[in-house]
Amino acid sequence: YAQHHARFNASSAYYDLVNRRIADLHEQQFGGLQTIGQFMDRRLAPAM
């Protein structure tokens, strides 16, 4: 726990920054293509 605690806390903080930066993009979908936010929610969220 002591060995990995700092890394997991930093990972959670960076993930929050990713979501905040994606929200700042104000994305809108077009052409039936997957947005960056949708892609991250599908691929990055399970990893986190």
ModelCIF file with pLDDT and N, C-alpha, C, O atoms, coordinates in Angstrom:
data_MODEL
#
_entry.id   MODEL 
#
_entity.id                         1 
_entity.type                       polymer 
_entity.pdbx_number_of_molecules   1 
#
_entity_poly.entity_id                      1 
_entity_poly.type                           'polypeptide(L)' 
_entity_poly.nstd_linkage                   no 
_entity_poly.nstd_monomer                   no 
_entity_poly.pdbx_seq_one_letter_code       YAQHHARFNASSAYYDLVNRRIADLHEQQFGGLQTIGQFMDRRLAPAM 
_entity_poly.pdbx_seq_one_letter_code_can   YAQHHARFNASSAYYDLVNRRIADLHEQQFGGLQTIGQFMDRRLAPAM 
_entity_poly.pdbx_strand_id                 A 
#
loop_
_entity_poly_seq.entity_id 
_entity_poly_seq.num 
_entity_poly_seq.mon_id 
_entity_poly_seq.hetero 
1 1  TYR n 
1 2  ALA n 
1 3  GLN n 
1 4  HIS n 
1 5  HIS n 
1 6  ALA n 
1 7  ARG n 
1 8  PHE n 
1 9  ASN n 
1 10 ALA n 
1 11 SER n 
1 12 SER n 
1 13 ALA n 
1 14 TYR n 
1 15 TYR n 
1 16 ASP n 
1 17 LEU n 
1 18 VAL n 
1 19 ASN n 
1 20 ARG n 
1 21 ARG n 
1 22 ILE n 
1 23 ALA n 
1 24 ASP n 
1 25 LEU n 
1 26 HIS n 
1 27 GLU n 
1 28 GLN n 
1 29 GLN n 
1 30 PHE n 
1 31 GLY n 
1 32 GLY n 
1 33 LEU n 
1 34 GLN n 
1 35 THR n 
1 36 ILE n 
1 37 GLY n 
1 38 GLN n 
1 39 PHE n 
1 40 MET n 
1 41 ASP n 
1 42 ARG n 
1 43 ARG n 
1 44 LEU n 
1 45 ALA n 
1 46 PRO n 
1 47 ALA n 
1 48 MET n 
#
_struct_asym.id          A 
_struct_asym.entity_id   1 
#
loop_
_ma_qa_metric.id 
_ma_qa_metric.mode 
_ma_qa_metric.name 
_ma_qa_metric.software_group_id 
_ma_qa_metric.type 
1 global pLDDT . pLDDT 
2 local  pLDDT . pLDDT 
#
_ma_qa_metric_global.metric_id      1 
_ma_qa_metric_global.metric_value   93.04 
_ma_qa_metric_global.model_id       1 
_ma_qa_metric_global.ordinal_id     1 
#
loop_
_ma_qa_metric_local.label_asym_id 
_ma_qa_metric_local.label_comp_id 
_ma_qa_metric_local.label_seq_id 
_ma_qa_metric_local.metric_id 
_ma_qa_metric_local.metric_value 
_ma_qa_metric_local.model_id 
_ma_qa_metric_local.ordinal_id 
A TYR 1  2 86.00 1 1  
A ALA 2  2 87.00 1 2  
A GLN 3  2 89.00 1 3  
A HIS 4  2 90.00 1 4  
A HIS 5  2 89.00 1 5  
A ALA 6  2 91.00 1 6  
A ARG 7  2 93.00 1 7  
A PHE 8  2 93.00 1 8  
A ASN 9  2 93.00 1 9  
A ALA 10 2 94.00 1 10 
A SER 11 2 95.00 1 11 
A SER 12 2 94.00 1 12 
A ALA 13 2 95.00 1 13 
A TYR 14 2 95.00 1 14 
A TYR 15 2 96.00 1 15 
A ASP 16 2 96.00 1 16 
A LEU 17 2 95.00 1 17 
A VAL 18 2 96.00 1 18 
A ASN 19 2 95.00 1 19 
A ARG 20 2 95.00 1 20 
A ARG 21 2 95.00 1 21 
A ILE 22 2 96.00 1 22 
A ALA 23 2 95.00 1 23 
A ASP 24 2 94.00 1 24 
A LEU 25 2 94.00 1 25 
A HIS 26 2 93.00 1 26 
A GLU 27 2 95.00 1 27 
A GLN 28 2 94.00 1 28 
A GLN 29 2 94.00 1 29 
A PHE 30 2 91.00 1 30 
A GLY 31 2 87.00 1 31 
A GLY 32 2 89.00 1 32 
A LEU 33 2 92.00 1 33 
A GLN 34 2 93.00 1 34 
A THR 35 2 95.00 1 35 
A ILE 36 2 95.00 1 36 
A GLY 37 2 94.00 1 37 
A GLN 38 2 94.00 1 38 
A PHE 39 2 93.00 1 39 
A MET 40 2 93.00 1 40 
A ASP 41 2 92.00 1 41 
A ARG 42 2 91.00 1 42 
A ARG 43 2 90.00 1 43 
A LEU 44 2 93.00 1 44 
A ALA 45 2 94.00 1 45 
A PRO 46 2 94.00 1 46 
A ALA 47 2 94.00 1 47 
A MET 48 2 95.00 1 48 
#
loop_
_atom_site.group_PDB 
_atom_site.id 
_atom_site.type_symbol 
_atom_site.label_atom_id 
_atom_site.label_alt_id 
_atom_site.label_comp_id 
_atom_site.label_asym_id 
_atom_site.label_entity_id 
_atom_site.label_seq_id 
_atom_site.pdbx_PDB_ins_code 
_atom_site.Cartn_x 
_atom_site.Cartn_y 
_atom_site.Cartn_z 
_atom_site.occupancy 
_atom_site.B_iso_or_equiv 
_atom_site.pdbx_formal_charge 
_atom_site.auth_seq_id 
_atom_site.auth_comp_id 
_atom_site.auth_asym_id 
_atom_site.auth_atom_id 
_atom_site.pdbx_PDB_model_num 
ATOM 1   N N  . TYR A 1 1  ? 0.835   -1.205 0.000   1.00 86.00 ? 1  TYR A N  1 
ATOM 2   C CA . TYR A 1 1  ? 0.000   0.000  0.000   1.00 86.00 ? 1  TYR A CA 1 
ATOM 3   C C  . TYR A 1 1  ? 0.872   1.258  0.000   1.00 86.00 ? 1  TYR A C  1 
ATOM 4   O O  . TYR A 1 1  ? 0.616   2.196  -0.754  1.00 86.00 ? 1  TYR A O  1 
ATOM 5   N N  . ALA A 1 2  ? 1.897   1.271  0.845   1.00 87.00 ? 2  ALA A N  1 
ATOM 6   C CA . ALA A 1 2  ? 2.789   2.433  0.899   1.00 87.00 ? 2  ALA A CA 1 
ATOM 7   C C  . ALA A 1 2  ? 3.567   2.602  -0.400  1.00 87.00 ? 2  ALA A C  1 
ATOM 8   O O  . ALA A 1 2  ? 3.869   3.723  -0.810  1.00 87.00 ? 2  ALA A O  1 
ATOM 9   N N  . GLN A 1 3  ? 3.889   1.478  -1.046  1.00 89.00 ? 3  GLN A N  1 
ATOM 10  C CA . GLN A 1 3  ? 4.672   1.520  -2.275  1.00 89.00 ? 3  GLN A CA 1 
ATOM 11  C C  . GLN A 1 3  ? 3.895   2.161  -3.426  1.00 89.00 ? 3  GLN A C  1 
ATOM 12  O O  . GLN A 1 3  ? 4.479   2.875  -4.241  1.00 89.00 ? 3  GLN A O  1 
ATOM 13  N N  . HIS A 1 4  ? 2.585   1.913  -3.502  1.00 90.00 ? 4  HIS A N  1 
ATOM 14  C CA . HIS A 1 4  ? 1.796   2.363  -4.648  1.00 90.00 ? 4  HIS A CA 1 
ATOM 15  C C  . HIS A 1 4  ? 0.804   3.471  -4.320  1.00 90.00 ? 4  HIS A C  1 
ATOM 16  O O  . HIS A 1 4  ? 0.144   3.979  -5.226  1.00 90.00 ? 4  HIS A O  1 
ATOM 17  N N  . HIS A 1 5  ? 0.680   3.859  -3.070  1.00 89.00 ? 5  HIS A N  1 
ATOM 18  C CA . HIS A 1 5  ? -0.353  4.818  -2.685  1.00 89.00 ? 5  HIS A CA 1 
ATOM 19  C C  . HIS A 1 5  ? -0.185  6.158  -3.407  1.00 89.00 ? 5  HIS A C  1 
ATOM 20  O O  . HIS A 1 5  ? -1.158  6.705  -3.926  1.00 89.00 ? 5  HIS A O  1 
ATOM 21  N N  . ALA A 1 6  ? 1.026   6.683  -3.442  1.00 91.00 ? 6  ALA A N  1 
ATOM 22  C CA . ALA A 1 6  ? 1.259   7.982  -4.083  1.00 91.00 ? 6  ALA A CA 1 
ATOM 23  C C  . ALA A 1 6  ? 0.950   7.920  -5.578  1.00 91.00 ? 6  ALA A C  1 
ATOM 24  O O  . ALA A 1 6  ? 0.376   8.857  -6.135  1.00 91.00 ? 6  ALA A O  1 
ATOM 25  N N  . ARG A 1 7  ? 1.333   6.808  -6.234  1.00 93.00 ? 7  ARG A N  1 
ATOM 26  C CA . ARG A 1 7  ? 1.079   6.665  -7.665  1.00 93.00 ? 7  ARG A CA 1 
ATOM 27  C C  . ARG A 1 7  ? -0.416  6.633  -7.967  1.00 93.00 ? 7  ARG A C  1 
ATOM 28  O O  . ARG A 1 7  ? -0.867  7.257  -8.927  1.00 93.00 ? 7  ARG A O  1 
ATOM 29  N N  . PHE A 1 8  ? -1.182  5.915  -7.158  1.00 93.00 ? 8  PHE A N  1 
ATOM 30  C CA . PHE A 1 8  ? -2.623  5.840  -7.381  1.00 93.00 ? 8  PHE A CA 1 
ATOM 31  C C  . PHE A 1 8  ? -3.288  7.196  -7.132  1.00 93.00 ? 8  PHE A C  1 
ATOM 32  O O  . PHE A 1 8  ? -4.201  7.574  -7.867  1.00 93.00 ? 8  PHE A O  1 
ATOM 33  N N  . ASN A 1 9  ? -2.854  7.920  -6.126  1.00 93.00 ? 9  ASN A N  1 
ATOM 34  C CA . ASN A 1 9  ? -3.409  9.252  -5.876  1.00 93.00 ? 9  ASN A CA 1 
ATOM 35  C C  . ASN A 1 9  ? -3.100  10.200 -7.030  1.00 93.00 ? 9  ASN A C  1 
ATOM 36  O O  . ASN A 1 9  ? -3.962  10.963 -7.467  1.00 93.00 ? 9  ASN A O  1 
ATOM 37  N N  . ALA A 1 10 ? -1.867  10.147 -7.517  1.00 94.00 ? 10 ALA A N  1 
ATOM 38  C CA . ALA A 1 10 ? -1.500  11.000 -8.653  1.00 94.00 ? 10 ALA A CA 1 
ATOM 39  C C  . ALA A 1 10 ? -2.302  10.616 -9.895  1.00 94.00 ? 10 ALA A C  1 
ATOM 40  O O  . ALA A 1 10 ? -2.716  11.489 -10.657 1.00 94.00 ? 10 ALA A O  1 
ATOM 41  N N  . SER A 1 11 ? -2.522  9.326  -10.102 1.00 95.00 ? 11 SER A N  1 
ATOM 42  C CA . SER A 1 11 ? -3.295  8.870  -11.249 1.00 95.00 ? 11 SER A CA 1 
ATOM 43  C C  . SER A 1 11 ? -4.718  9.414  -11.200 1.00 95.00 ? 11 SER A C  1 
ATOM 44  O O  . SER A 1 11 ? -5.252  9.860  -12.215 1.00 95.00 ? 11 SER A O  1 
ATOM 45  N N  . SER A 1 12 ? -5.326  9.376  -10.028 1.00 94.00 ? 12 SER A N  1 
ATOM 46  C CA . SER A 1 12 ? -6.681  9.919  -9.879  1.00 94.00 ? 12 SER A CA 1 
ATOM 47  C C  . SER A 1 12 ? -6.715  11.414 -10.163 1.00 94.00 ? 12 SER A C  1 
ATOM 48  O O  . SER A 1 12 ? -7.649  11.904 -10.798 1.00 94.00 ? 12 SER A O  1 
ATOM 49  N N  . ALA A 1 13 ? -5.708  12.141 -9.700  1.00 95.00 ? 13 ALA A N  1 
ATOM 50  C CA . ALA A 1 13 ? -5.649  13.588 -9.937  1.00 95.00 ? 13 ALA A CA 1 
ATOM 51  C C  . ALA A 1 13 ? -5.490  13.889 -11.429 1.00 95.00 ? 13 ALA A C  1 
ATOM 52  O O  . ALA A 1 13 ? -6.139  14.796 -11.950 1.00 95.00 ? 13 ALA A O  1 
ATOM 53  N N  . TYR A 1 14 ? -4.631  13.134 -12.116 1.00 95.00 ? 14 TYR A N  1 
ATOM 54  C CA . TYR A 1 14 ? -4.442  13.348 -13.552 1.00 95.00 ? 14 TYR A CA 1 
ATOM 55  C C  . TYR A 1 14 ? -5.716  13.009 -14.323 1.00 95.00 ? 14 TYR A C  1 
ATOM 56  O O  . TYR A 1 14 ? -6.046  13.689 -15.295 1.00 95.00 ? 14 TYR A O  1 
ATOM 57  N N  . TYR A 1 15 ? -6.430  11.979 -13.909 1.00 96.00 ? 15 TYR A N  1 
ATOM 58  C CA . TYR A 1 15 ? -7.684  11.611 -14.573 1.00 96.00 ? 15 TYR A CA 1 
ATOM 59  C C  . TYR A 1 15 ? -8.710  12.732 -14.428 1.00 96.00 ? 15 TYR A C  1 
ATOM 60  O O  . TYR A 1 15 ? -9.450  13.018 -15.369 1.00 96.00 ? 15 TYR A O  1 
ATOM 61  N N  . ASP A 1 16 ? -8.759  13.355 -13.281 1.00 96.00 ? 16 ASP A N  1 
ATOM 62  C CA . ASP A 1 16 ? -9.654  14.501 -13.096 1.00 96.00 ? 16 ASP A CA 1 
ATOM 63  C C  . ASP A 1 16 ? -9.280  15.639 -14.048 1.00 96.00 ? 16 ASP A C  1 
ATOM 64  O O  . ASP A 1 16 ? -10.157 16.305 -14.597 1.00 96.00 ? 16 ASP A O  1 
ATOM 65  N N  . LEU A 1 17 ? -7.974  15.859 -14.243 1.00 95.00 ? 17 LEU A N  1 
ATOM 66  C CA . LEU A 1 17 ? -7.543  16.904 -15.167 1.00 95.00 ? 17 LEU A CA 1 
ATOM 67  C C  . LEU A 1 17 ? -7.939  16.568 -16.602 1.00 95.00 ? 17 LEU A C  1 
ATOM 68  O O  . LEU A 1 17 ? -8.335  17.455 -17.358 1.00 95.00 ? 17 LEU A O  1 
ATOM 69  N N  . VAL A 1 18 ? -7.834  15.291 -16.983 1.00 96.00 ? 18 VAL A N  1 
ATOM 70  C CA . VAL A 1 18 ? -8.251  14.876 -18.326 1.00 96.00 ? 18 VAL A CA 1 
ATOM 71  C C  . VAL A 1 18 ? -9.720  15.199 -18.544 1.00 96.00 ? 18 VAL A C  1 
ATOM 72  O O  . VAL A 1 18 ? -10.083 15.790 -19.561 1.00 96.00 ? 18 VAL A O  1 
ATOM 73  N N  . ASN A 1 19 ? -10.564 14.815 -17.600 1.00 95.00 ? 19 ASN A N  1 
ATOM 74  C CA . ASN A 1 19 ? -12.003 15.081 -17.734 1.00 95.00 ? 19 ASN A CA 1 
ATOM 75  C C  . ASN A 1 19 ? -12.295 16.575 -17.781 1.00 95.00 ? 19 ASN A C  1 
ATOM 76  O O  . ASN A 1 19 ? -13.187 17.019 -18.503 1.00 95.00 ? 19 ASN A O  1 
ATOM 77  N N  . ARG A 1 20 ? -11.537 17.348 -17.007 1.00 95.00 ? 20 ARG A N  1 
ATOM 78  C CA . ARG A 1 20 ? -11.753 18.797 -16.998 1.00 95.00 ? 20 ARG A CA 1 
ATOM 79  C C  . ARG A 1 20 ? -11.355 19.417 -18.335 1.00 95.00 ? 20 ARG A C  1 
ATOM 80  O O  . ARG A 1 20 ? -12.052 20.290 -18.853 1.00 95.00 ? 20 ARG A O  1 
ATOM 81  N N  . ARG A 1 21 ? -10.229 18.961 -18.892 1.00 95.00 ? 21 ARG A N  1 
ATOM 82  C CA . ARG A 1 21 ? -9.793  19.501 -20.192 1.00 95.00 ? 21 ARG A CA 1 
ATOM 83  C C  . ARG A 1 21 ? -10.759 19.094 -21.313 1.00 95.00 ? 21 ARG A C  1 
ATOM 84  O O  . ARG A 1 21 ? -11.010 19.879 -22.228 1.00 95.00 ? 21 ARG A O  1 
ATOM 85  N N  . ILE A 1 22 ? -11.293 17.884 -21.244 1.00 96.00 ? 22 ILE A N  1 
ATOM 86  C CA . ILE A 1 22 ? -12.272 17.460 -22.255 1.00 96.00 ? 22 ILE A CA 1 
ATOM 87  C C  . ILE A 1 22 ? -13.538 18.308 -22.142 1.00 96.00 ? 22 ILE A C  1 
ATOM 88  O O  . ILE A 1 22 ? -14.113 18.710 -23.154 1.00 96.00 ? 22 ILE A O  1 
ATOM 89  N N  . ALA A 1 23 ? -13.965 18.574 -20.922 1.00 95.00 ? 23 ALA A N  1 
ATOM 90  C CA . ALA A 1 23 ? -15.152 19.432 -20.737 1.00 95.00 ? 23 ALA A CA 1 
ATOM 91  C C  . ALA A 1 23 ? -14.903 20.830 -21.287 1.00 95.00 ? 23 ALA A C  1 
ATOM 92  O O  . ALA A 1 23 ? -15.817 21.471 -21.806 1.00 95.00 ? 23 ALA A O  1 
ATOM 93  N N  . ASP A 1 24 ? -13.648 21.309 -21.170 1.00 94.00 ? 24 ASP A N  1 
ATOM 94  C CA . ASP A 1 24 ? -13.338 22.653 -21.678 1.00 94.00 ? 24 ASP A CA 1 
ATOM 95  C C  . ASP A 1 24 ? -13.384 22.732 -23.199 1.00 94.00 ? 24 ASP A C  1 
ATOM 96  O O  . ASP A 1 24 ? -13.490 23.826 -23.755 1.00 94.00 ? 24 ASP A O  1 
ATOM 97  N N  . LEU A 1 25 ? -13.305 21.578 -23.889 1.00 94.00 ? 25 LEU A N  1 
ATOM 98  C CA . LEU A 1 25 ? -13.367 21.591 -25.350 1.00 94.00 ? 25 LEU A CA 1 
ATOM 99  C C  . LEU A 1 25 ? -14.762 21.943 -25.865 1.00 94.00 ? 25 LEU A C  1 
ATOM 100 O O  . LEU A 1 25 ? -14.901 22.445 -26.981 1.00 94.00 ? 25 LEU A O  1 
ATOM 101 N N  . HIS A 1 26 ? -15.811 21.681 -25.050 1.00 93.00 ? 26 HIS A N  1 
ATOM 102 C CA . HIS A 1 26 ? -17.197 21.902 -25.474 1.00 93.00 ? 26 HIS A CA 1 
ATOM 103 C C  . HIS A 1 26 ? -17.479 21.126 -26.764 1.00 93.00 ? 26 HIS A C  1 
ATOM 104 O O  . HIS A 1 26 ? -17.862 21.701 -27.782 1.00 93.00 ? 26 HIS A O  1 
ATOM 105 N N  . GLU A 1 27 ? -17.280 19.816 -26.696 1.00 95.00 ? 27 GLU A N  1 
ATOM 106 C CA . GLU A 1 27 ? -17.397 18.972 -27.882 1.00 95.00 ? 27 GLU A CA 1 
ATOM 107 C C  . GLU A 1 27 ? -18.838 18.823 -28.352 1.00 95.00 ? 27 GLU A C  1 
ATOM 108 O O  . GLU A 1 27 ? -19.784 18.845 -27.564 1.00 95.00 ? 27 GLU A O  1 
ATOM 109 N N  . GLN A 1 28 ? -18.966 18.668 -29.677 1.00 94.00 ? 28 GLN A N  1 
ATOM 110 C CA . GLN A 1 28 ? -20.234 18.317 -30.316 1.00 94.00 ? 28 GLN A CA 1 
ATOM 111 C C  . GLN A 1 28 ? -19.948 17.240 -31.358 1.00 94.00 ? 28 GLN A C  1 
ATOM 112 O O  . GLN A 1 28 ? -18.955 17.311 -32.083 1.00 94.00 ? 28 GLN A O  1 
ATOM 113 N N  . GLN A 1 29 ? -20.821 16.252 -31.424 1.00 94.00 ? 29 GLN A N  1 
ATOM 114 C CA . GLN A 1 29 ? -20.623 15.145 -32.348 1.00 94.00 ? 29 GLN A CA 1 
ATOM 115 C C  . GLN A 1 29 ? -21.081 15.546 -33.751 1.00 94.00 ? 29 GLN A C  1 
ATOM 116 O O  . GLN A 1 29 ? -22.026 16.318 -33.912 1.00 94.00 ? 29 GLN A O  1 
ATOM 117 N N  . PHE A 1 30 ? -20.392 15.007 -34.766 1.00 91.00 ? 30 PHE A N  1 
ATOM 118 C CA . PHE A 1 30 ? -20.812 15.237 -36.144 1.00 91.00 ? 30 PHE A CA 1 
ATOM 119 C C  . PHE A 1 30 ? -20.442 14.000 -36.969 1.00 91.00 ? 30 PHE A C  1 
ATOM 120 O O  . PHE A 1 30 ? -19.496 13.278 -36.653 1.00 91.00 ? 30 PHE A O  1 
ATOM 121 N N  . GLY A 1 31 ? -21.205 13.782 -38.020 1.00 87.00 ? 31 GLY A N  1 
ATOM 122 C CA . GLY A 1 31 ? -20.899 12.713 -38.964 1.00 87.00 ? 31 GLY A CA 1 
ATOM 123 C C  . GLY A 1 31 ? -20.921 11.321 -38.371 1.00 87.00 ? 31 GLY A C  1 
ATOM 124 O O  . GLY A 1 31 ? -20.369 10.397 -38.968 1.00 87.00 ? 31 GLY A O  1 
ATOM 125 N N  . GLY A 1 32 ? -21.535 11.140 -37.224 1.00 89.00 ? 32 GLY A N  1 
ATOM 126 C CA . GLY A 1 32 ? -21.574 9.818  -36.608 1.00 89.00 ? 32 GLY A CA 1 
ATOM 127 C C  . GLY A 1 32 ? -20.237 9.353  -36.057 1.00 89.00 ? 32 GLY A C  1 
ATOM 128 O O  . GLY A 1 32 ? -20.093 8.190  -35.679 1.00 89.00 ? 32 GLY A O  1 
ATOM 129 N N  . LEU A 1 33 ? -19.253 10.251 -36.006 1.00 92.00 ? 33 LEU A N  1 
ATOM 130 C CA . LEU A 1 33 ? -17.938 9.884  -35.486 1.00 92.00 ? 33 LEU A CA 1 
ATOM 131 C C  . LEU A 1 33 ? -17.918 9.983  -33.961 1.00 92.00 ? 33 LEU A C  1 
ATOM 132 O O  . LEU A 1 33 ? -18.646 10.770 -33.356 1.00 92.00 ? 33 LEU A O  1 
ATOM 133 N N  . GLN A 1 34 ? -17.070 9.169  -33.374 1.00 93.00 ? 34 GLN A N  1 
ATOM 134 C CA . GLN A 1 34 ? -16.921 9.173  -31.909 1.00 93.00 ? 34 GLN A CA 1 
ATOM 135 C C  . GLN A 1 34 ? -16.113 10.392 -31.478 1.00 93.00 ? 34 GLN A C  1 
ATOM 136 O O  . GLN A 1 34 ? -15.079 10.697 -32.072 1.00 93.00 ? 34 GLN A O  1 
ATOM 137 N N  . THR A 1 35 ? -16.580 11.084 -30.452 1.00 95.00 ? 35 THR A N  1 
ATOM 138 C CA . THR A 1 35 ? -15.851 12.248 -29.948 1.00 95.00 ? 35 THR A CA 1 
ATOM 139 C C  . THR A 1 35 ? -14.714 11.802 -29.035 1.00 95.00 ? 35 THR A C  1 
ATOM 140 O O  . THR A 1 35 ? -14.634 10.644 -28.625 1.00 95.00 ? 35 THR A O  1 
ATOM 141 N N  . ILE A 1 36 ? -13.833 12.764 -28.728 1.00 95.00 ? 36 ILE A N  1 
ATOM 142 C CA . ILE A 1 36 ? -12.723 12.456 -27.824 1.00 95.00 ? 36 ILE A CA 1 
ATOM 143 C C  . ILE A 1 36 ? -13.251 12.066 -26.453 1.00 95.00 ? 36 ILE A C  1 
ATOM 144 O O  . ILE A 1 36 ? -12.758 11.118 -25.841 1.00 95.00 ? 36 ILE A O  1 
ATOM 145 N N  . GLY A 1 37 ? -14.260 12.797 -25.964 1.00 94.00 ? 37 GLY A N  1 
ATOM 146 C CA . GLY A 1 37 ? -14.839 12.478 -24.664 1.00 94.00 ? 37 GLY A CA 1 
ATOM 147 C C  . GLY A 1 37 ? -15.460 11.101 -24.636 1.00 94.00 ? 37 GLY A C  1 
ATOM 148 O O  . GLY A 1 37 ? -15.299 10.374 -23.656 1.00 94.00 ? 37 GLY A O  1 
ATOM 149 N N  . GLN A 1 38 ? -16.175 10.721 -25.698 1.00 94.00 ? 38 GLN A N  1 
ATOM 150 C CA . GLN A 1 38 ? -16.776 9.391  -25.766 1.00 94.00 ? 38 GLN A CA 1 
ATOM 151 C C  . GLN A 1 38 ? -15.702 8.309  -25.815 1.00 94.00 ? 38 GLN A C  1 
ATOM 152 O O  . GLN A 1 38 ? -15.821 7.265  -25.173 1.00 94.00 ? 38 GLN A O  1 
ATOM 153 N N  . PHE A 1 39 ? -14.663 8.577  -26.581 1.00 93.00 ? 39 PHE A N  1 
ATOM 154 C CA . PHE A 1 39 ? -13.583 7.595  -26.660 1.00 93.00 ? 39 PHE A CA 1 
ATOM 155 C C  . PHE A 1 39 ? -12.924 7.398  -25.297 1.00 93.00 ? 39 PHE A C  1 
ATOM 156 O O  . PHE A 1 39 ? -12.662 6.266  -24.891 1.00 93.00 ? 39 PHE A O  1 
ATOM 157 N N  . MET A 1 40 ? -12.656 8.496  -24.588 1.00 93.00 ? 40 MET A N  1 
ATOM 158 C CA . MET A 1 40 ? -12.027 8.390  -23.269 1.00 93.00 ? 40 MET A CA 1 
ATOM 159 C C  . MET A 1 40 ? -12.957 7.697  -22.275 1.00 93.00 ? 40 MET A C  1 
ATOM 160 O O  . MET A 1 40 ? -12.512 6.912  -21.437 1.00 93.00 ? 40 MET A O  1 
ATOM 161 N N  . ASP A 1 41 ? -14.237 7.994  -22.377 1.00 92.00 ? 41 ASP A N  1 
ATOM 162 C CA . ASP A 1 41 ? -15.183 7.365  -21.463 1.00 92.00 ? 41 ASP A CA 1 
ATOM 163 C C  . ASP A 1 41 ? -15.264 5.862  -21.703 1.00 92.00 ? 41 ASP A C  1 
ATOM 164 O O  . ASP A 1 41 ? -15.494 5.087  -20.775 1.00 92.00 ? 41 ASP A O  1 
ATOM 165 N N  . ARG A 1 42 ? -15.071 5.461  -22.956 1.00 91.00 ? 42 ARG A N  1 
ATOM 166 C CA . ARG A 1 42 ? -15.158 4.040  -23.282 1.00 91.00 ? 42 ARG A CA 1 
ATOM 167 C C  . ARG A 1 42 ? -13.858 3.298  -23.006 1.00 91.00 ? 42 ARG A C  1 
ATOM 168 O O  . ARG A 1 42 ? -13.882 2.141  -22.588 1.00 91.00 ? 42 ARG A O  1 
ATOM 169 N N  . ARG A 1 43 ? -12.724 3.954  -23.236 1.00 90.00 ? 43 ARG A N  1 
ATOM 170 C CA . ARG A 1 43 ? -11.434 3.260  -23.130 1.00 90.00 ? 43 ARG A CA 1 
ATOM 171 C C  . ARG A 1 43 ? -10.650 3.611  -21.869 1.00 90.00 ? 43 ARG A C  1 
ATOM 172 O O  . ARG A 1 43 ? -10.073 2.734  -21.226 1.00 90.00 ? 43 ARG A O  1 
ATOM 173 N N  . LEU A 1 44 ? -10.631 4.901  -21.517 1.00 93.00 ? 44 LEU A N  1 
ATOM 174 C CA . LEU A 1 44 ? -9.829  5.322  -20.371 1.00 93.00 ? 44 LEU A CA 1 
ATOM 175 C C  . LEU A 1 44 ? -10.542 5.062  -19.052 1.00 93.00 ? 44 LEU A C  1 
ATOM 176 O O  . LEU A 1 44 ? -9.912  4.655  -18.076 1.00 93.00 ? 44 LEU A O  1 
ATOM 177 N N  . ALA A 1 45 ? -11.851 5.295  -19.014 1.00 94.00 ? 45 ALA A N  1 
ATOM 178 C CA . ALA A 1 45 ? -12.588 5.133  -17.759 1.00 94.00 ? 45 ALA A CA 1 
ATOM 179 C C  . ALA A 1 45 ? -12.478 3.719  -17.187 1.00 94.00 ? 45 ALA A C  1 
ATOM 180 O O  . ALA A 1 45 ? -12.263 3.587  -15.982 1.00 94.00 ? 45 ALA A O  1 
ATOM 181 N N  . PRO A 1 46 ? -12.615 2.641  -17.992 1.00 94.00 ? 46 PRO A N  1 
ATOM 182 C CA . PRO A 1 46 ? -12.441 1.300  -17.404 1.00 94.00 ? 46 PRO A CA 1 
ATOM 183 C C  . PRO A 1 46 ? -11.058 1.077  -16.793 1.00 94.00 ? 46 PRO A C  1 
ATOM 184 O O  . PRO A 1 46 ? -10.926 0.420  -15.760 1.00 94.00 ? 46 PRO A O  1 
ATOM 185 N N  . ALA A 1 47 ? -10.020 1.633  -17.446 1.00 94.00 ? 47 ALA A N  1 
ATOM 186 C CA . ALA A 1 47 ? -8.673  1.491  -16.889 1.00 94.00 ? 47 ALA A CA 1 
ATOM 187 C C  . ALA A 1 47 ? -8.563  2.190  -15.541 1.00 94.00 ? 47 ALA A C  1 
ATOM 188 O O  . ALA A 1 47 ? -7.946  1.677  -14.608 1.00 94.00 ? 47 ALA A O  1 
ATOM 189 N N  . MET A 1 48 ? -9.171  3.369  -15.453 1.00 95.00 ? 48 MET A N  1 
ATOM 190 C CA . MET A 1 48 ? -9.115  4.092  -14.188 1.00 95.00 ? 48 MET A CA 1 
ATOM 191 C C  . MET A 1 48 ? -9.980  3.422  -13.124 1.00 95.00 ? 48 MET A C  1 
ATOM 192 O O  . MET A 1 48 ? -10.049 3.902  -11.992 1.00 95.00 ? 48 MET A O  1 
#
